[in-house]
């Protein structure tokens, strides 16, 4: 689709949506689609959720913005709700996940300078994705998105994802490390999960060397994996947690949560945002948090995820070109043995919205409200497409 008034930064699919309802989207021709990518993990409560709609409408009729020169009531309420559900101590609000990660990186550097480290370094992971600002671009482990934007930002050390021995080697050889930044599940990197004991081992390593343990939960947070935050599947408490995406259900908001020594690093003047945490976005975020934490909704996400993964494995287990089905909750990847980007357009033609990341991983991030009947519909459309890809993929 050519849109000359817009910068050419996206390879857009040939469809325009005009409205949504629950897990469904409708295009300009009235055709309906089962949305299983949720605006890349954003629409956690689906489209036009009544609680979010009411919160936005009410707040828009009262007050949109005053700036952080003043106290913002809804911001305080959302911060308290996030701290209650996470166990963290305080929150900085931004406009996106990338901005929230920038705040985390600044916390790491502040911590390093407080330790008299001249050039503090943050350990980041291969295949990671943390955003597209210069610092978060550098922190990401994807050379393709970095190319053409050099010089990148110094102060990052890269390690293999899920390899605690590699981090121990870095600790032994480098005394300038101030923090580790890691996704509990890599999203853009291909839905890669960590070994069960990894986060506990990482917490112990960070404690030993006075590193901040910083988790990028932009995609895994807000109920996506069957816990409010993915780290809650383990017994650890991070120093910093970053989230965004599903927190606003479509309204742009990010949050950087801090705990313990990290919670007191920022002082007035150290960081800020004009729009971050304004009344409108916080009203939407508060509606999301309150909805997610009521009526056992997040427990239902875990159950839905198990049902979907079991269905995928059952229908795809005989396919030699399907390498693995993996994920947690409703964050699922199906890795094929060949690149499979054309599956996105094939699914679109059949009324299903999916995504392919890392060239050969079909990524599913359906709204957390999806029910078993809708999951069965998803399976009935997607699995035949993937099974048919055996011939197409080999021909390509």
Protein backbone atom coordinates (compact mmCIF):
# COMPACT_ATOMS: atom_id res chain seq x y z
CA UNK A 1 0.00 0.00 0.00
CA UNK A 2 1.46 3.34 -1.04
CA UNK A 3 0.70 6.28 1.24
CA UNK A 4 2.90 9.15 -0.01
CA UNK A 5 2.09 11.51 2.89
CA UNK A 6 3.62 9.01 5.33
CA UNK A 7 7.30 8.17 5.73
CA UNK A 8 8.05 4.79 4.18
CA UNK A 9 8.84 2.97 7.44
CA UNK A 10 6.33 0.09 7.35
CA UNK A 11 5.55 -2.73 4.93
CA UNK A 12 1.82 -2.50 5.43
CA UNK A 13 -0.66 -5.23 4.55
CA UNK A 14 -3.44 -4.27 2.08
CA UNK A 15 -6.23 -3.82 4.61
CA UNK A 16 -7.70 -0.95 6.63
CA UNK A 17 -9.76 -1.60 9.74
CA UNK A 18 -12.63 0.64 10.73
CA UNK A 19 -13.85 -0.89 13.97
CA UNK A 20 -13.27 -3.67 16.45
CA UNK A 21 -15.29 -5.70 18.92
CA UNK A 22 -13.72 -8.13 21.35
CA UNK A 23 -11.34 -10.41 19.43
CA UNK A 24 -12.73 -9.23 16.06
CA UNK A 25 -11.74 -6.49 13.64
CA UNK A 26 -13.76 -5.27 10.65
CA UNK A 27 -12.31 -3.71 7.50
CA UNK A 28 -13.62 -1.04 5.14
CA UNK A 29 -15.54 -3.70 3.18
CA UNK A 30 -17.22 -5.09 6.28
CA UNK A 31 -15.15 -8.30 6.31
CA UNK A 32 -14.44 -9.56 9.81
CA UNK A 33 -11.16 -10.96 11.10
CA UNK A 34 -10.08 -12.96 14.13
CA UNK A 35 -7.32 -10.83 15.66
CA UNK A 36 -4.55 -13.06 17.00
CA UNK A 37 -1.79 -10.45 17.11
CA UNK A 38 -3.61 -7.79 19.21
CA UNK A 39 -1.77 -4.84 17.71
CA UNK A 40 1.46 -6.72 18.56
CA UNK A 41 0.40 -7.57 22.09
CA UNK A 42 -1.27 -4.24 22.84
CA UNK A 43 -5.02 -4.94 22.87
CA UNK A 44 -4.89 -7.27 25.86
CA UNK A 45 -8.61 -6.82 26.57
CA UNK A 46 -9.55 -6.89 22.91
CA UNK A 47 -11.20 -4.10 20.98
CA UNK A 48 -13.71 -1.60 22.40
CA UNK A 49 -13.62 -3.15 25.86
CA UNK A 50 -16.44 -1.45 27.83
CA UNK A 51 -14.35 -0.74 30.95
CA UNK A 52 -11.57 0.93 28.96
CA UNK A 53 -14.02 2.78 26.72
CA UNK A 54 -15.90 4.17 29.71
CA UNK A 55 -12.67 5.20 31.47
CA UNK A 56 -11.40 7.07 28.41
CA UNK A 57 -14.73 8.76 27.70
CA UNK A 58 -15.17 9.88 31.30
CA UNK A 59 -11.61 11.17 31.62
CA UNK A 60 -11.71 12.94 28.24
CA UNK A 61 -14.74 14.88 29.45
CA UNK A 62 -12.90 15.99 32.60
CA UNK A 63 -9.18 16.54 32.01
CA UNK A 64 -6.67 15.36 29.40
CA UNK A 65 -3.36 16.86 30.44
CA UNK A 66 -1.75 19.12 33.01
CA UNK A 67 1.94 18.00 32.86
CA UNK A 68 4.11 16.58 35.60
CA UNK A 69 4.65 20.00 37.10
CA UNK A 70 1.64 19.07 39.23
CA UNK A 71 0.25 16.07 41.05
CA UNK A 72 -1.82 13.79 38.79
CA UNK A 73 -4.45 11.82 40.71
CA UNK A 74 -4.97 9.03 38.16
CA UNK A 75 -1.19 8.65 37.82
CA UNK A 76 -0.85 8.07 41.55
CA UNK A 77 -3.72 5.57 41.49
CA UNK A 78 -2.23 3.60 38.59
CA UNK A 79 1.20 3.60 40.22
CA UNK A 80 -0.29 2.21 43.44
CA UNK A 81 -2.16 -0.49 41.49
CA UNK A 82 0.99 -1.53 39.60
CA UNK A 83 3.07 -1.61 42.77
CA UNK A 84 0.41 -3.70 44.50
CA UNK A 85 0.29 -6.29 41.73
CA UNK A 86 4.06 -6.41 41.21
CA UNK A 87 5.61 -5.95 44.65
CA UNK A 88 7.71 -3.07 43.28
CA UNK A 89 8.16 0.23 45.13
CA UNK A 90 7.58 3.04 42.63
CA UNK A 91 6.92 3.82 38.97
CA UNK A 92 8.03 6.24 36.26
CA UNK A 93 5.51 6.66 33.44
CA UNK A 94 6.48 7.18 29.81
CA UNK A 95 4.75 7.00 26.43
CA UNK A 96 6.09 3.68 25.13
CA UNK A 97 8.10 0.59 25.92
CA UNK A 98 11.20 2.03 24.28
CA UNK A 99 11.00 5.11 26.51
CA UNK A 100 10.48 2.93 29.57
CA UNK A 101 13.59 0.94 28.61
CA UNK A 102 15.48 4.21 28.22
CA UNK A 103 14.54 5.02 31.81
CA UNK A 104 15.82 1.60 32.90
CA UNK A 105 19.13 2.14 31.09
CA UNK A 106 19.50 5.53 32.79
CA UNK A 107 18.83 3.88 36.16
CA UNK A 108 21.59 1.37 35.39
CA UNK A 109 24.05 4.11 34.54
CA UNK A 110 23.12 6.09 37.65
CA UNK A 111 23.68 2.97 39.73
CA UNK A 112 27.04 2.43 38.04
CA UNK A 113 28.20 5.99 38.61
CA UNK A 114 27.13 5.73 42.26
CA UNK A 115 29.52 2.76 42.43
CA UNK A 116 32.29 4.95 40.92
CA UNK A 117 32.26 3.08 37.61
CA UNK A 118 33.55 5.54 35.02
CA UNK A 119 31.76 3.92 32.05
CA UNK A 120 28.92 1.71 33.36
CA UNK A 121 27.93 -1.18 31.12
CA UNK A 122 24.64 -3.05 30.77
CA UNK A 123 24.68 -6.72 29.78
CA UNK A 124 22.07 -7.43 27.08
CA UNK A 125 21.17 -10.57 25.15
CA UNK A 126 21.61 -11.90 21.66
CA UNK A 127 18.33 -11.75 19.66
CA UNK A 128 16.87 -9.25 22.15
CA UNK A 129 14.56 -6.42 21.17
CA UNK A 130 14.19 -3.38 23.42
CA UNK A 131 13.07 -0.59 21.07
CA UNK A 132 14.20 1.72 18.28
CA UNK A 133 15.66 4.75 20.06
CA UNK A 134 19.44 4.90 19.74
CA UNK A 135 20.11 3.37 23.15
CA UNK A 136 17.42 0.68 22.94
CA UNK A 137 18.41 -0.05 19.34
CA UNK A 138 21.94 -0.69 20.55
CA UNK A 139 20.64 -2.87 23.38
CA UNK A 140 18.69 -4.96 20.86
CA UNK A 141 20.42 -7.99 19.35
CA UNK A 142 19.30 -7.55 15.76
CA UNK A 143 21.92 -6.29 13.36
CA UNK A 144 19.31 -5.75 10.63
CA UNK A 145 17.50 -2.99 12.53
CA UNK A 146 20.80 -1.38 13.62
CA UNK A 147 22.31 -1.10 10.14
CA UNK A 148 22.50 2.45 8.85
CA UNK A 149 22.19 4.12 12.26
CA UNK A 150 25.77 3.94 13.44
CA UNK A 151 27.53 5.06 15.55
CA UNK A 152 25.61 3.10 18.14
CA UNK A 153 25.67 3.91 21.86
CA UNK A 154 28.55 2.52 23.87
CA UNK A 155 28.11 0.84 27.22
CA UNK A 156 26.54 -2.54 26.30
CA UNK A 157 27.93 -6.07 26.52
CA UNK A 158 26.12 -8.86 24.68
CA UNK A 159 25.63 -12.40 26.01
CA UNK A 160 23.83 -15.53 24.78
CA UNK A 161 20.20 -15.76 25.92
CA UNK A 162 19.68 -18.26 28.72
CA UNK A 163 23.39 -18.98 29.30
CA UNK A 164 24.24 -18.23 32.94
CA UNK A 165 27.82 -19.46 32.51
CA UNK A 166 28.42 -16.73 29.92
CA UNK A 167 27.31 -14.10 32.44
CA UNK A 168 29.61 -15.56 35.08
CA UNK A 169 32.48 -15.20 32.61
CA UNK A 170 31.54 -11.58 31.94
CA UNK A 171 31.44 -10.92 35.69
CA UNK A 172 34.91 -12.43 36.09
CA UNK A 173 36.44 -10.43 33.24
CA UNK A 174 34.67 -7.06 33.52
CA UNK A 175 34.27 -4.86 36.58
CA UNK A 176 32.36 -2.10 34.75
CA UNK A 177 28.99 -3.91 34.63
CA UNK A 178 26.15 -2.13 36.44
CA UNK A 179 23.10 -4.11 35.30
CA UNK A 180 21.60 -6.88 33.19
CA UNK A 181 18.63 -6.15 30.90
CA UNK A 182 16.72 -9.21 29.68
CA UNK A 183 13.30 -10.26 28.38
CA UNK A 184 11.81 -13.22 30.30
CA UNK A 185 10.55 -14.40 26.91
CA UNK A 186 12.02 -12.95 23.74
CA UNK A 187 9.18 -11.68 21.57
CA UNK A 188 10.65 -10.21 18.39
CA UNK A 189 13.53 -12.67 18.77
CA UNK A 190 11.21 -15.63 18.14
CA UNK A 191 9.32 -16.47 21.38
CA UNK A 192 12.36 -17.96 23.09
CA UNK A 193 11.88 -18.94 26.75
CA UNK A 194 14.44 -19.20 29.55
CA UNK A 195 15.43 -22.38 31.42
CA UNK A 196 13.29 -22.74 34.58
CA UNK A 197 16.14 -22.02 37.01
CA UNK A 198 17.72 -19.16 35.02
CA UNK A 199 16.10 -16.14 36.68
CA UNK A 200 16.94 -17.44 40.17
CA UNK A 201 20.55 -17.96 39.10
CA UNK A 202 20.63 -14.52 37.52
CA UNK A 203 19.20 -12.92 40.68
CA UNK A 204 21.97 -14.54 42.74
CA UNK A 205 24.63 -13.39 40.27
CA UNK A 206 23.34 -9.81 40.30
CA UNK A 207 23.29 -9.78 44.10
CA UNK A 208 26.86 -11.09 44.25
CA UNK A 209 28.22 -8.38 41.93
CA UNK A 210 25.87 -5.50 42.85
CA UNK A 211 24.25 -5.44 39.42
CA UNK A 212 20.68 -4.30 38.85
CA UNK A 213 18.45 -7.07 37.50
CA UNK A 214 16.25 -5.33 34.92
CA UNK A 215 13.45 -7.18 33.14
CA UNK A 216 11.93 -5.96 29.89
CA UNK A 217 8.30 -7.06 30.24
CA UNK A 218 6.95 -4.76 27.55
CA UNK A 219 5.43 -7.79 25.82
CA UNK A 220 5.28 -10.37 28.62
CA UNK A 221 3.66 -8.10 31.22
CA UNK A 222 0.01 -7.34 31.99
CA UNK A 223 -1.19 -10.95 32.14
CA UNK A 224 0.20 -12.14 28.81
CA UNK A 225 1.97 -15.26 30.21
CA UNK A 226 -0.62 -16.31 32.79
CA UNK A 227 0.83 -14.21 35.63
CA UNK A 228 0.61 -10.44 35.86
CA UNK A 229 4.36 -10.31 35.16
CA UNK A 230 6.36 -13.20 33.75
CA UNK A 231 8.93 -13.06 36.57
CA UNK A 232 6.14 -14.08 38.94
CA UNK A 233 6.40 -17.62 37.58
CA UNK A 234 9.66 -17.77 39.58
CA UNK A 235 10.51 -16.80 43.16
CA UNK A 236 12.66 -13.74 42.36
CA UNK A 237 12.13 -10.00 42.74
CA UNK A 238 13.80 -7.83 40.08
CA UNK A 239 15.26 -4.39 40.71
CA UNK A 240 13.61 -2.88 37.63
CA UNK A 241 10.66 -4.01 35.50
CA UNK A 242 9.66 -2.29 32.29
CA UNK A 243 6.21 -2.67 30.76
CA UNK A 244 3.98 -1.04 28.12
CA UNK A 245 1.91 -2.54 25.27
CA UNK A 246 -1.01 -4.28 27.04
CA UNK A 247 -1.03 -1.76 29.90
CA UNK A 248 -3.04 0.79 27.88
CA UNK A 249 -5.07 -1.53 25.60
CA UNK A 250 -4.24 0.79 22.70
CA UNK A 251 -3.55 4.05 24.53
CA UNK A 252 0.21 4.84 24.39
CA UNK A 253 1.73 4.30 27.84
CA UNK A 254 4.90 2.78 29.26
CA UNK A 255 6.03 2.22 32.82
CA UNK A 256 9.39 1.65 34.47
CA UNK A 257 8.92 0.06 37.91
CA UNK A 258 11.73 0.01 40.49
CA UNK A 259 12.35 -1.86 43.72
CA UNK A 260 14.80 -1.55 46.60
CA UNK A 261 18.00 0.34 45.84
CA UNK A 262 16.82 1.11 42.28
CA UNK A 263 13.73 2.92 43.60
CA UNK A 264 15.76 5.79 45.07
CA UNK A 265 18.18 6.37 42.17
CA UNK A 266 16.16 9.02 40.33
CA UNK A 267 15.81 12.41 41.98
CA UNK A 268 14.01 15.54 40.68
CA UNK A 269 15.65 16.64 37.44
CA UNK A 270 17.20 13.25 36.62
CA UNK A 271 14.46 12.16 34.23
CA UNK A 272 11.12 13.33 32.90
CA UNK A 273 8.42 13.24 30.22
CA UNK A 274 5.97 15.90 29.08
CA UNK A 275 3.14 13.50 28.28
CA UNK A 276 4.16 10.54 30.45
CA UNK A 277 1.43 9.46 32.85
CA UNK A 278 -1.14 12.09 31.90
CA UNK A 279 -4.71 11.69 33.22
CA UNK A 280 -6.11 10.12 30.05
CA UNK A 281 -3.57 7.32 29.61
CA UNK A 282 -3.55 6.54 33.33
CA UNK A 283 -7.33 6.29 33.40
CA UNK A 284 -7.11 3.72 30.61
CA UNK A 285 -4.25 1.90 32.33
CA UNK A 286 -6.12 1.77 35.62
CA UNK A 287 -9.14 0.25 33.87
CA UNK A 288 -6.87 -2.40 32.34
CA UNK A 289 -5.17 -3.31 35.63
CA UNK A 290 -8.47 -3.46 37.52
CA UNK A 291 -10.03 -5.67 34.84
CA UNK A 292 -7.04 -8.01 34.62
CA UNK A 293 -6.92 -8.49 38.38
CA UNK A 294 -10.62 -9.27 38.79
CA UNK A 295 -12.64 -12.47 38.28
CA UNK A 296 -9.57 -14.74 37.98
CA UNK A 297 -8.93 -13.37 34.49
CA UNK A 298 -5.17 -13.98 34.48
CA UNK A 299 -5.67 -17.56 35.66
CA UNK A 300 -7.98 -18.01 32.67
CA UNK A 301 -5.18 -16.74 30.40
CA UNK A 302 -2.97 -19.56 31.64
CA UNK A 303 -5.73 -22.09 30.94
CA UNK A 304 -6.39 -20.66 27.46
CA UNK A 305 -2.69 -20.81 26.69
CA UNK A 306 -2.46 -24.46 27.67
CA UNK A 307 -5.50 -25.25 25.52
CA UNK A 308 -4.07 -23.42 22.49
CA UNK A 309 -0.59 -24.93 22.78
CA UNK A 310 -2.05 -28.42 23.19
CA UNK A 311 -4.21 -27.92 20.10
CA UNK A 312 -1.27 -26.70 18.04
CA UNK A 313 0.93 -29.59 19.10
CA UNK A 314 -1.80 -32.14 18.42
CA UNK A 315 -2.50 -30.89 14.91
CA UNK A 316 1.09 -30.10 13.91
CA UNK A 317 3.08 -32.87 15.61
CA UNK A 318 3.30 -34.98 12.45
CA UNK A 319 4.63 -32.13 10.30
CA UNK A 320 8.37 -32.48 9.70
CA UNK A 321 8.65 -28.81 8.74
CA UNK A 322 7.33 -27.68 12.14
CA UNK A 323 10.39 -27.45 14.37
CA UNK A 324 8.76 -26.47 17.66
CA UNK A 325 5.67 -25.02 19.33
CA UNK A 326 6.68 -22.97 22.36
CA UNK A 327 5.59 -20.16 24.64
CA UNK A 328 3.74 -19.40 27.83
CA UNK A 329 0.19 -18.25 28.42
CA UNK A 330 -1.04 -16.48 25.29
CA UNK A 331 2.43 -15.66 23.96
CA UNK A 332 3.12 -18.49 21.53
CA UNK A 333 5.56 -19.18 18.71
CA UNK A 334 5.46 -21.90 16.05
CA UNK A 335 8.91 -22.27 14.52
CA UNK A 336 9.13 -23.74 11.03
CA UNK A 337 12.23 -25.05 9.28
CA UNK A 338 11.99 -22.47 6.47
CA UNK A 339 11.16 -18.76 6.29
CA UNK A 340 7.37 -18.38 6.25
CA UNK A 341 6.47 -14.67 5.97
CA UNK A 342 3.87 -15.35 3.20
CA UNK A 343 1.72 -17.14 5.81
CA UNK A 344 0.72 -13.71 7.14
CA UNK A 345 -1.00 -12.74 3.86
CA UNK A 346 -2.49 -16.23 3.45
CA UNK A 347 -4.03 -16.02 6.93
CA UNK A 348 -5.26 -12.48 6.26
CA UNK A 349 -7.13 -13.71 3.19
CA UNK A 350 -8.92 -16.24 5.40
CA UNK A 351 -9.84 -13.66 8.04
CA UNK A 352 -7.06 -14.37 10.55
CA UNK A 353 -4.45 -11.89 11.77
CA UNK A 354 -1.08 -13.38 12.71
CA UNK A 355 2.53 -12.26 12.59
CA UNK A 356 5.85 -13.83 11.58
CA UNK A 357 8.97 -12.84 13.47
CA UNK A 358 12.58 -13.96 13.17
CA UNK A 359 11.73 -15.02 9.59
CA UNK A 360 10.37 -18.46 10.45
CA UNK A 361 8.36 -18.14 13.68
CA UNK A 362 4.60 -17.69 13.50
CA UNK A 363 3.81 -15.47 16.50
CA UNK A 364 0.43 -15.57 18.23
CA UNK A 365 -0.56 -12.84 20.71
CA UNK A 366 -4.36 -13.02 20.81
CA UNK A 367 -6.40 -10.85 23.15
CA UNK A 368 -6.44 -12.30 26.65
CA UNK A 369 -10.24 -12.51 26.48
CA UNK A 370 -10.17 -15.15 23.72
CA UNK A 371 -12.36 -18.16 24.56
CA UNK A 372 -12.10 -21.83 23.61
CA UNK A 373 -14.54 -21.54 20.72
CA UNK A 374 -12.44 -18.73 19.24
CA UNK A 375 -9.26 -20.73 19.84
CA UNK A 376 -10.83 -23.63 17.94
CA UNK A 377 -11.56 -21.22 15.09
CA UNK A 378 -7.94 -20.06 15.16
CA UNK A 379 -6.72 -23.66 15.00
CA UNK A 380 -9.08 -24.52 12.15
CA UNK A 381 -7.67 -21.71 9.98
CA UNK A 382 -4.00 -21.63 10.97
CA UNK A 383 -3.07 -25.30 11.20
CA UNK A 384 -4.06 -26.19 7.61
CA UNK A 385 -2.06 -23.20 6.36
CA UNK A 386 1.01 -24.32 8.29
CA UNK A 387 0.61 -27.94 7.17
CA UNK A 388 0.34 -26.80 3.55
CA UNK A 389 3.52 -24.78 3.97
CA UNK A 390 5.57 -28.00 3.73
CA UNK A 391 5.35 -27.88 -0.09
CA UNK A 392 5.48 -24.10 -0.42
CA UNK A 393 8.44 -23.72 1.90
CA UNK A 394 10.50 -26.37 0.13
CA UNK A 395 9.66 -24.83 -3.24
CA UNK A 396 10.77 -21.40 -2.02
